[in-house]
Protein backbone atom coordinates (compact mmCIF):
# COMPACT_ATOMS: atom_id res chain seq x y z
CA UNK A 1 0.00 0.00 0.00
CA UNK A 2 1.41 3.39 -0.98
CA UNK A 3 1.80 5.87 1.89
CA UNK A 4 0.23 9.25 0.98
CA UNK A 5 2.74 12.04 0.42
CA UNK A 6 1.08 14.22 3.09
CA UNK A 7 1.52 11.42 5.59
CA UNK A 8 5.18 10.92 4.65
CA UNK A 9 5.74 14.66 4.98
CA UNK A 10 4.19 14.75 8.43
CA UNK A 11 6.13 11.73 9.62
CA UNK A 12 9.40 13.23 8.43
CA UNK A 13 8.71 16.63 9.90
CA UNK A 14 7.75 15.05 13.22
CA UNK A 15 11.41 14.05 13.62
CA UNK A 16 12.47 17.65 12.96
CA UNK A 17 9.98 18.87 15.58
CA UNK A 18 11.41 16.40 18.10
CA UNK A 19 14.99 17.48 17.37
CA UNK A 20 14.02 21.14 17.66
CA UNK A 21 12.29 20.65 21.02
CA UNK A 22 15.21 18.53 22.29
CA UNK A 23 17.56 21.38 21.37
CA UNK A 24 15.36 24.03 23.01
CA UNK A 25 15.49 22.07 26.26
CA UNK A 26 19.25 21.52 26.04
CA UNK A 27 20.12 25.14 25.27
CA UNK A 28 17.56 26.82 27.54
CA UNK A 29 17.85 24.67 30.67
CA UNK A 30 21.59 24.11 30.20
CA UNK A 31 22.22 27.87 30.08
CA UNK A 32 20.14 28.37 33.23
CA UNK A 33 21.97 25.62 35.12
CA UNK A 34 25.35 26.99 34.02
CA UNK A 35 24.65 30.10 36.14
CA UNK A 36 25.90 28.07 39.10
CA UNK A 37 29.38 28.01 37.55
CA UNK A 38 29.47 31.81 37.81
CA UNK A 39 28.80 31.86 41.58
CA UNK A 40 32.45 31.99 42.66
CA UNK A 41 33.53 34.61 40.06
CA UNK A 42 30.59 36.86 41.07
CA UNK A 43 31.35 36.44 44.79
CA UNK A 44 35.01 37.26 44.20
CA UNK A 45 34.24 40.28 42.00
CA UNK A 46 31.55 41.92 44.16
CA UNK A 47 31.79 40.24 47.59
CA UNK A 48 28.14 39.18 47.35
CA UNK A 49 26.88 36.38 49.56
CA UNK A 50 25.99 32.98 48.17
CA UNK A 51 22.42 33.53 49.34
CA UNK A 52 22.12 36.81 47.43
CA UNK A 53 23.32 35.25 44.19
CA UNK A 54 21.16 32.15 44.67
CA UNK A 55 18.20 34.47 45.21
CA UNK A 56 18.55 35.73 41.64
CA UNK A 57 18.35 32.15 40.40
CA UNK A 58 15.20 31.58 42.47
CA UNK A 59 13.73 34.82 41.12
CA UNK A 60 14.36 33.67 37.55
CA UNK A 61 12.73 30.32 38.35
CA UNK A 62 9.64 32.06 39.76
CA UNK A 63 9.37 34.49 36.82
CA UNK A 64 9.67 31.50 34.49
CA UNK A 65 6.48 30.00 35.88
CA UNK A 66 4.64 33.31 36.10
CA UNK A 67 5.24 34.20 32.45
CA UNK A 68 4.92 30.55 31.45
CA UNK A 69 1.16 30.78 31.98
CA UNK A 70 0.94 33.62 29.47
CA UNK A 71 3.28 31.90 27.01
CA UNK A 72 1.23 28.71 27.18
CA UNK A 73 -2.03 30.55 26.52
CA UNK A 74 -0.53 32.48 23.60
CA UNK A 75 1.01 29.28 22.22
CA UNK A 76 -2.45 27.73 21.98
CA UNK A 77 -3.59 30.72 19.91
CA UNK A 78 -0.67 31.85 17.73
CA UNK A 79 1.80 28.98 17.82
CA UNK A 80 5.40 28.59 19.00
CA UNK A 81 7.54 30.17 16.27
CA UNK A 82 7.04 33.85 17.13
CA UNK A 83 6.97 33.20 20.87
CA UNK A 84 10.21 31.20 20.81
CA UNK A 85 11.86 33.90 18.71
CA UNK A 86 10.92 36.55 21.28
CA UNK A 87 12.04 34.28 24.11
CA UNK A 88 15.40 33.80 22.39
CA UNK A 89 15.98 37.56 22.52
CA UNK A 90 15.17 37.80 26.24
CA UNK A 91 17.12 34.68 27.23
CA UNK A 92 20.24 35.55 25.23
CA UNK A 93 20.14 39.24 26.17
CA UNK A 94 19.59 38.45 29.85
CA UNK A 95 22.64 36.19 29.97
CA UNK A 96 24.89 38.47 27.90
CA UNK A 97 23.97 41.55 29.98
CA UNK A 98 25.18 39.73 33.09
CA UNK A 99 28.64 40.80 31.93
CA UNK A 100 27.71 44.41 32.78
CA UNK A 101 26.06 43.80 36.16
CA UNK A 102 27.66 45.55 39.13
CA UNK A 103 24.88 45.80 41.77
CA UNK A 104 22.45 43.33 43.33
CA UNK A 105 19.50 45.27 41.90
CA UNK A 106 20.97 44.86 38.41
CA UNK A 107 21.58 41.16 39.10
CA UNK A 108 17.93 40.59 39.98
CA UNK A 109 16.59 42.70 37.12
CA UNK A 110 18.85 41.19 34.46
CA UNK A 111 18.96 37.53 35.47
CA UNK A 112 15.83 37.26 37.59
CA UNK A 113 13.52 39.23 35.27
CA UNK A 114 14.96 39.47 31.72
CA UNK A 115 16.50 36.01 31.61
CA UNK A 116 13.53 34.56 33.51
CA UNK A 117 11.12 35.85 30.85
CA UNK A 118 13.17 34.14 28.15
CA UNK A 119 13.36 30.91 30.12
CA UNK A 120 9.56 30.85 30.54
CA UNK A 121 9.08 29.56 26.99
CA UNK A 122 11.56 26.70 27.15
CA UNK A 123 9.44 24.05 28.90
CA UNK A 124 5.99 25.24 27.87
CA UNK A 125 6.69 25.56 24.14
CA UNK A 126 8.84 22.44 23.77
CA UNK A 127 6.56 20.08 25.69
CA UNK A 128 3.26 21.50 24.45
CA UNK A 129 4.44 21.28 20.84
CA UNK A 130 5.39 17.64 21.35
CA UNK A 131 2.03 16.92 23.00
CA UNK A 132 0.23 18.39 19.98
CA UNK A 133 2.31 16.59 17.35
CA UNK A 134 2.23 13.12 18.89
CA UNK A 135 -0.54 11.03 20.40
CA UNK A 136 0.17 7.28 20.21
CA UNK A 137 3.82 7.70 21.23
CA UNK A 138 3.57 11.00 23.09
CA UNK A 139 5.35 9.62 26.15
CA UNK A 140 8.30 8.30 24.15
CA UNK A 141 8.80 11.57 22.28
CA UNK A 142 8.43 13.61 25.49
CA UNK A 143 11.06 11.37 27.08
CA UNK A 144 13.45 11.97 24.19
CA UNK A 145 12.93 15.73 24.43
CA UNK A 146 13.49 15.71 28.20
CA UNK A 147 16.79 13.87 27.68
CA UNK A 148 17.81 17.16 26.07
CA UNK A 149 17.45 18.77 29.51
CA UNK A 150 19.98 16.36 30.98
CA UNK A 151 22.33 16.80 28.04
CA UNK A 152 22.25 20.58 28.45
CA UNK A 153 22.76 20.32 32.21
CA UNK A 154 25.85 18.20 31.59
CA UNK A 155 27.57 19.95 28.68
CA UNK A 156 26.83 23.69 28.98
CA UNK A 157 28.18 24.13 32.54
CA UNK A 158 31.39 22.43 31.41
CA UNK A 159 31.57 24.82 28.45
CA UNK A 160 30.96 27.76 30.79
CA UNK A 161 33.81 26.70 33.08
CA UNK A 162 36.17 26.41 30.10
CA UNK A 163 35.19 29.86 28.83
CA UNK A 164 35.63 31.43 32.28
CA UNK A 165 39.09 29.91 32.61
CA UNK A 166 40.08 31.08 29.11
CA UNK A 167 38.49 34.54 28.87
CA UNK A 168 37.10 35.52 32.26
CA UNK A 169 33.53 35.44 33.53
CA UNK A 170 32.35 38.61 31.73
CA UNK A 171 33.37 37.40 28.28
CA UNK A 172 31.95 33.97 29.09
CA UNK A 173 28.56 35.56 29.84
CA UNK A 174 28.64 37.38 26.49
CA UNK A 175 29.67 34.31 24.45
CA UNK A 176 27.07 32.03 26.04
CA UNK A 177 24.37 34.69 25.82
CA UNK A 178 24.86 35.34 22.12
CA UNK A 179 25.25 31.61 21.39
CA UNK A 180 21.97 30.83 23.20
CA UNK A 181 20.21 33.64 21.32
CA UNK A 182 21.49 32.51 17.91
CA UNK A 183 20.70 28.84 18.49
CA UNK A 184 17.21 29.37 19.90
CA UNK A 185 16.34 31.92 17.19
CA UNK A 186 17.39 29.45 14.48
CA UNK A 187 15.55 26.54 16.13
CA UNK A 188 12.37 28.61 16.43
CA UNK A 189 12.08 28.87 12.64
CA UNK A 190 11.47 25.11 12.42
CA UNK A 191 8.53 25.09 14.83
CA UNK A 192 4.89 24.56 13.93
CA UNK A 193 2.18 24.36 16.57
CA UNK A 194 0.78 21.09 15.23
CA UNK A 195 0.57 19.03 12.01
CA UNK A 196 -2.48 20.95 10.76
CA UNK A 197 -0.58 24.23 10.90
CA UNK A 198 2.40 22.56 9.25
CA UNK A 199 0.18 21.38 6.38
CA UNK A 200 -1.24 24.86 5.97
CA UNK A 201 2.27 26.28 5.91
CA UNK A 202 3.27 24.10 2.97
CA UNK A 203 0.68 25.46 0.61
CA UNK A 204 -1.13 28.69 -0.16
CA UNK A 205 -4.39 27.12 0.97
CA UNK A 206 -4.78 24.64 3.77
CA UNK A 207 -6.12 21.32 2.54
CA UNK A 208 -7.90 18.98 4.96
CA UNK A 209 -5.99 15.74 5.43
CA UNK A 210 -7.40 12.50 6.80
CA UNK A 211 -6.31 11.64 10.35
CA UNK A 212 -3.04 9.73 10.65
CA UNK A 213 -2.33 7.43 13.55
CA UNK A 214 0.36 5.00 12.49
CA UNK A 215 3.32 7.21 13.41
CA UNK A 216 1.61 8.65 16.43
CA UNK A 217 1.20 12.08 14.85
CA UNK A 218 -2.10 13.67 15.68
CA UNK A 219 -3.50 15.98 13.00
CA UNK A 220 -6.74 16.99 14.66
CA UNK A 221 -5.86 19.41 17.45
CA UNK A 222 -9.30 20.41 18.78
CA UNK A 223 -9.88 17.39 21.07
CA UNK A 224 -10.07 18.19 24.75
CA UNK A 225 -11.63 20.43 27.38
CA UNK A 226 -12.04 24.16 26.90
CA UNK A 227 -9.66 26.32 28.96
CA UNK A 228 -12.37 28.04 31.01
CA UNK A 229 -14.04 24.71 31.80
CA UNK A 230 -10.74 23.12 32.83
CA UNK A 231 -10.14 25.96 35.30
CA UNK A 232 -13.23 24.81 37.19
CA UNK A 233 -12.01 21.22 37.43
CA UNK A 234 -10.73 20.04 40.85
CA UNK A 235 -8.36 17.73 38.95
CA UNK A 236 -6.37 20.70 37.66
CA UNK A 237 -5.83 22.15 41.13
CA UNK A 238 -5.00 18.76 42.65
CA UNK A 239 -2.31 18.37 40.01
CA UNK A 240 -1.05 21.93 40.60
CA UNK A 241 -0.78 21.49 44.37
CA UNK A 242 0.93 18.13 43.99
CA UNK A 243 3.41 19.63 41.53
CA UNK A 244 4.10 22.61 43.81
CA UNK A 245 5.01 20.35 46.74
CA UNK A 246 6.90 17.94 44.50
CA UNK A 247 9.16 20.55 42.89
CA UNK A 248 9.66 22.12 46.35
CA UNK A 249 11.33 18.83 47.31
CA UNK A 250 13.18 18.23 44.04
CA UNK A 251 14.85 21.64 43.83
CA UNK A 252 15.74 21.54 47.54
CA UNK A 253 17.64 18.32 46.97
CA UNK A 254 19.34 19.59 43.81
CA UNK A 255 20.68 22.70 45.57
CA UNK A 256 21.55 21.23 48.97
CA UNK A 257 22.87 17.74 48.24
CA UNK A 258 26.41 18.97 47.51
CA UNK A 259 26.66 21.14 50.67
CA UNK A 260 25.27 18.16 52.64
CA UNK A 261 28.04 15.96 51.28
CA UNK A 262 30.67 18.63 51.96
CA UNK A 263 29.51 18.85 55.59
CA UNK A 264 30.42 15.16 55.87
CA UNK A 265 33.97 15.95 54.82
CA UNK A 266 33.60 14.60 51.29
CA UNK A 267 36.05 16.32 48.85
CA UNK A 268 34.52 18.92 46.48
CA UNK A 269 35.01 16.94 43.26
CA UNK A 270 33.44 13.81 44.73
CA UNK A 271 30.55 15.81 46.18
CA UNK A 272 29.97 17.40 42.76
CA UNK A 273 30.03 13.89 41.31
CA UNK A 274 26.84 13.13 43.27
CA UNK A 275 25.06 15.90 41.40
CA UNK A 276 26.52 14.72 38.10
CA UNK A 277 25.27 11.21 38.85
CA UNK A 278 21.76 12.54 39.39
CA UNK A 279 21.93 14.31 36.03
CA UNK A 280 23.25 11.28 34.16
CA UNK A 281 20.80 8.81 35.71
CA UNK A 282 17.90 11.23 35.22
CA UNK A 283 18.48 11.07 31.45
CA UNK A 284 17.87 7.32 31.60
CA UNK A 285 14.84 7.93 33.81
CA UNK A 286 13.42 10.45 31.35
CA UNK A 287 13.75 8.14 28.37
CA UNK A 288 12.56 4.99 30.15
CA UNK A 289 9.69 6.91 31.73
CA UNK A 290 8.64 8.20 28.32
CA UNK A 291 8.53 4.68 26.89
CA UNK A 292 6.48 3.40 29.84
CA UNK A 293 4.02 6.30 29.70
CA UNK A 294 2.77 5.09 26.30
CA UNK A 295 2.06 1.67 27.79
CA UNK A 296 0.84 2.41 31.30
CA UNK A 297 -0.22 6.07 31.37
CA UNK A 298 1.39 9.06 33.02
CA UNK A 299 -0.20 8.68 36.46
CA UNK A 300 1.40 5.27 37.02
CA UNK A 301 4.80 6.69 36.15
CA UNK A 302 4.20 9.55 38.60
CA UNK A 303 3.22 7.05 41.30
CA UNK A 304 6.29 4.90 40.64
CA UNK A 305 8.48 8.01 40.73
CA UNK A 306 6.94 9.07 44.05
CA UNK A 307 7.68 5.66 45.55
CA UNK A 308 11.31 5.90 44.42
CA UNK A 309 11.55 9.48 45.71
CA UNK A 310 10.27 8.55 49.17
CA UNK A 311 12.61 5.55 49.35
CA UNK A 312 15.53 7.75 48.30
CA UNK A 313 14.68 10.42 50.89
CA UNK A 314 14.40 7.85 53.68
CA UNK A 315 17.78 6.46 52.60
CA UNK A 316 19.25 9.99 52.55
CA UNK A 317 18.37 10.64 56.20
CA UNK A 318 20.60 7.69 57.13
CA UNK A 319 23.32 8.04 54.49
CA UNK A 320 26.68 9.07 55.94
CA UNK A 321 29.23 7.64 53.49
CA UNK A 322 30.12 8.43 49.90
CA UNK A 323 28.81 5.19 48.43
CA UNK A 324 25.49 5.65 50.21
CA UNK A 325 25.13 9.13 48.72
CA UNK A 326 25.88 7.78 45.24
CA UNK A 327 23.26 5.06 45.80
CA UNK A 328 20.82 7.80 46.77
CA UNK A 329 21.72 9.75 43.62
CA UNK A 330 21.01 6.71 41.46
CA UNK A 331 17.52 6.03 42.84
CA UNK A 332 16.65 9.72 43.13
CA UNK A 333 17.88 10.40 39.57
CA UNK A 334 15.45 7.87 38.12
CA UNK A 335 12.56 9.45 40.04
CA UNK A 336 13.66 12.98 39.09
CA UNK A 337 13.69 12.11 35.39
CA UNK A 338 10.35 10.33 35.60
CA UNK A 339 8.58 13.29 37.20
CA UNK A 340 9.70 15.86 34.65
CA UNK A 341 8.85 13.56 31.75
CA UNK A 342 5.34 12.64 32.95
CA UNK A 343 4.06 16.09 33.89
CA UNK A 344 3.23 17.30 30.36
CA UNK A 345 1.59 14.04 29.16
CA UNK A 346 -0.55 13.84 32.30
CA UNK A 347 -2.01 17.27 31.49
CA UNK A 348 -2.86 15.95 28.01
CA UNK A 349 -4.44 12.82 29.49
CA UNK A 350 -6.57 14.84 31.89
CA UNK A 351 -7.71 17.66 29.62
CA UNK A 352 -6.76 16.82 26.02
CA UNK A 353 -4.69 19.14 23.87
CA UNK A 354 -7.12 21.92 22.92
CA UNK A 355 -5.80 24.18 25.72
CA UNK A 356 -2.70 22.20 26.66
CA UNK A 357 -0.35 25.19 26.54
CA UNK A 358 -2.38 27.36 28.87
CA UNK A 359 -3.12 24.57 31.34
CA UNK A 360 0.42 23.23 31.31
CA UNK A 361 1.62 26.78 31.92
CA UNK A 362 -0.47 26.94 35.11
CA UNK A 363 0.91 23.59 36.31
CA UNK A 364 4.46 24.77 35.56
CA UNK A 365 3.84 28.03 37.45
CA UNK A 366 2.86 26.12 40.58
CA UNK A 367 5.94 23.93 40.17
CA UNK A 368 8.34 26.83 39.76
CA UNK A 369 6.80 28.56 42.78
CA UNK A 370 7.55 25.48 44.85
CA UNK A 371 10.98 25.23 43.25
CA UNK A 372 11.78 28.83 44.18
CA UNK A 373 10.62 28.39 47.79
CA UNK A 374 12.07 24.95 48.48
CA UNK A 375 15.82 25.66 48.51
CA UNK A 376 15.27 28.87 50.50
CA UNK A 377 13.11 27.21 53.18
CA UNK A 378 15.48 24.24 53.38
CA UNK A 379 18.36 26.67 53.90
CA UNK A 380 16.45 28.44 56.68
CA UNK A 381 15.87 25.11 58.43
CA UNK A 382 19.57 24.32 58.17
CA UNK A 383 20.48 27.71 59.65
CA UNK A 384 18.02 27.11 62.51
CA UNK A 385 19.16 23.59 63.44
CA UNK A 386 22.72 23.66 62.01
CA UNK A 387 22.17 20.35 60.21
CA UNK A 388 19.99 18.87 57.49
CA UNK A 389 18.28 16.19 59.60
CA UNK A 390 15.11 18.20 60.28
CA UNK A 391 15.03 19.67 56.76
CA UNK A 392 15.26 16.26 55.05
CA UNK A 393 12.61 14.82 57.39
CA UNK A 394 10.35 17.72 56.43
CA UNK A 395 10.95 16.95 52.75
CA UNK A 396 9.76 13.38 53.34
CA UNK A 397 6.50 14.69 54.84
CA UNK A 398 6.01 17.19 52.00
CA UNK A 399 6.70 14.52 49.36
CA UNK A 400 4.23 12.18 51.09
CA UNK A 401 1.49 14.84 50.97
CA UNK A 402 2.21 15.42 47.26
CA UNK A 403 1.99 11.64 46.75
CA UNK A 404 -1.42 11.45 48.42
CA UNK A 405 -2.69 14.30 46.24
CA UNK A 406 -1.47 12.43 43.16
CA UNK A 407 -3.23 9.24 44.30
CA UNK A 408 -6.48 11.24 44.63
CA UNK A 409 -6.18 12.48 41.06
CA UNK A 410 -8.54 10.63 38.72
CA UNK A 411 -7.27 10.35 35.14
CA UNK A 412 -10.21 8.46 33.66
CA UNK A 413 -12.77 9.99 31.28
CA UNK A 414 -14.87 12.84 32.60
CA UNK A 415 -18.34 11.90 33.76
Foldseek 3Di string as FASTA:
>chain_A
DDDDPLVVVLLVLLVLLLVLLLQLLLLLLLVLLLLVVCQVVVCVVQVDDSVLLVLLSLLLLLLLLVLLLVLLQVCLPPNQLVVLLVLLCLQLQLLLCVLVDHDSVNSNCSRNPSNSNSSSCSLLRSLLLLQQFFALLSLLSLLSSVLSNLNNNPPSSVVLNVCCVVPNNNVSSNVSSVVSSVSSNVSSVSTGSASQRVQCVVDVHRDDDDADPPSRTGHDQQDWDDPVVVVPDVLLVLLLLLLLLVLLLVLQCLVCQLVQLVVLVDDNVLSVVLNNLLSVLLSVLSNVLSRVCSVPNLLVLLLVLLVLCLVLLVLVLVDRDSVSSSVSSNSNSNSVSSVSSSLLRLLCLQTNSSSSSNSSSSSSSSNSNSSSVNNVVQVVVCVVVVHNNVVSVVSSVSSVVSSVSSVPNDRDDDD
